[in-house]
Protein backbone atom coordinates (compact mmCIF):
# COMPACT_ATOMS: atom_id res chain seq x y z
CA UNK A 1 27.22 16.21 8.40
CA UNK A 2 24.47 18.14 6.95
CA UNK A 3 21.20 19.04 8.79
CA UNK A 4 18.78 16.63 6.64
CA UNK A 5 21.43 13.90 6.62
CA UNK A 6 21.21 14.19 11.07
CA UNK A 7 17.62 14.48 10.82
CA UNK A 8 17.11 11.68 8.47
CA UNK A 9 19.57 9.48 10.96
CA UNK A 10 17.22 10.32 14.24
CA UNK A 11 14.22 9.34 12.41
CA UNK A 12 15.47 6.13 11.77
CA UNK A 13 16.95 5.63 15.17
CA UNK A 14 13.08 6.52 16.22
CA UNK A 15 11.80 3.98 13.98
CA UNK A 16 13.98 1.14 14.90
CA UNK A 17 12.80 2.18 18.54
CA UNK A 18 9.21 1.10 16.79
CA UNK A 19 10.37 -1.96 15.54
CA UNK A 20 11.38 -3.34 18.60
CA UNK A 21 8.66 -1.98 20.40
CA UNK A 22 6.54 -3.68 17.82
CA UNK A 23 8.63 -7.19 18.27
CA UNK A 24 7.80 -6.58 22.20
CA UNK A 25 3.92 -6.71 21.51
CA UNK A 26 3.90 -9.60 19.12
CA UNK A 27 5.31 -11.58 21.47
CA UNK A 28 3.42 -10.38 24.35
CA UNK A 29 0.07 -10.84 22.48
CA UNK A 30 1.35 -14.37 20.89
CA UNK A 31 2.12 -15.58 24.68
CA UNK A 32 -1.49 -13.90 25.67
CA UNK A 33 -3.26 -16.05 22.76
CA UNK A 34 -1.57 -19.62 23.94
CA UNK A 35 -2.46 -19.10 27.36
CA UNK A 36 -6.25 -17.44 26.24
CA UNK A 37 -8.79 -20.08 28.25
CA UNK A 38 -11.85 -19.10 25.77
CA UNK A 39 -11.64 -19.13 21.87
CA UNK A 40 -12.59 -15.51 21.75
CA UNK A 41 -9.88 -14.22 23.58
CA UNK A 42 -7.43 -16.35 22.20
CA UNK A 43 -8.53 -14.98 18.97
CA UNK A 44 -8.87 -11.17 19.85
CA UNK A 45 -4.95 -11.77 21.10
CA UNK A 46 -4.47 -13.21 17.81
CA UNK A 47 -6.08 -10.34 15.53
CA UNK A 48 -3.75 -8.14 17.98
CA UNK A 49 -0.37 -10.05 17.02
CA UNK A 50 -0.95 -9.79 13.49
CA UNK A 51 -1.62 -6.39 13.89
CA UNK A 52 1.30 -5.63 14.81
CA UNK A 53 3.21 -7.37 12.74
CA UNK A 54 1.56 -5.70 10.16
CA UNK A 55 2.62 -2.41 11.85
CA UNK A 56 6.33 -3.85 11.96
CA UNK A 57 6.53 -4.49 8.53
CA UNK A 58 5.24 -1.05 7.69
CA UNK A 59 7.98 0.54 9.94
CA UNK A 60 10.68 -1.29 8.34
CA UNK A 61 9.57 0.00 4.63
CA UNK A 62 9.67 3.28 5.89
CA UNK A 63 13.02 2.42 7.43
CA UNK A 64 14.64 1.28 4.53
CA UNK A 65 13.15 4.35 2.36
CA UNK A 66 14.73 6.82 5.47
CA UNK A 67 18.06 4.76 5.26
CA UNK A 68 18.36 4.87 1.23
CA UNK A 69 17.84 8.68 1.89
CA UNK A 70 21.04 8.71 4.22
CA UNK A 71 22.78 7.24 1.38
CA UNK A 72 21.90 9.59 -1.12
CA UNK A 73 22.86 12.59 1.32
CA UNK A 74 26.36 10.69 1.95
CA UNK A 75 26.90 10.72 -2.22
CA UNK A 76 25.32 14.42 -2.30
CA UNK A 77 28.18 15.25 0.40
CA UNK A 78 31.05 13.40 -1.27
CA UNK A 79 29.84 14.71 -4.71
CA UNK A 80 29.97 18.24 -3.83
CA UNK A 81 33.62 17.83 -1.40
CA UNK A 82 34.97 16.90 -4.91
CA UNK A 83 33.79 20.10 -6.21
């Protein structure tokens, strides 16, 4: 395995962990919002939930790019082994 591919796989793992944490935060803020007593606190938790959802979306996009790079590295390795 090339160092580049290994590095990319490690980055993908880190991003996957970050996505899971964002999901956890979304659930936390959603629950907190549902328990909020005042409208201003409910709104604050809803805003935080939305921000975490946006973070997750961005991380998923980054993960998709990394996975595409990993596939390119695999193809490069297969092509190099044919030579």
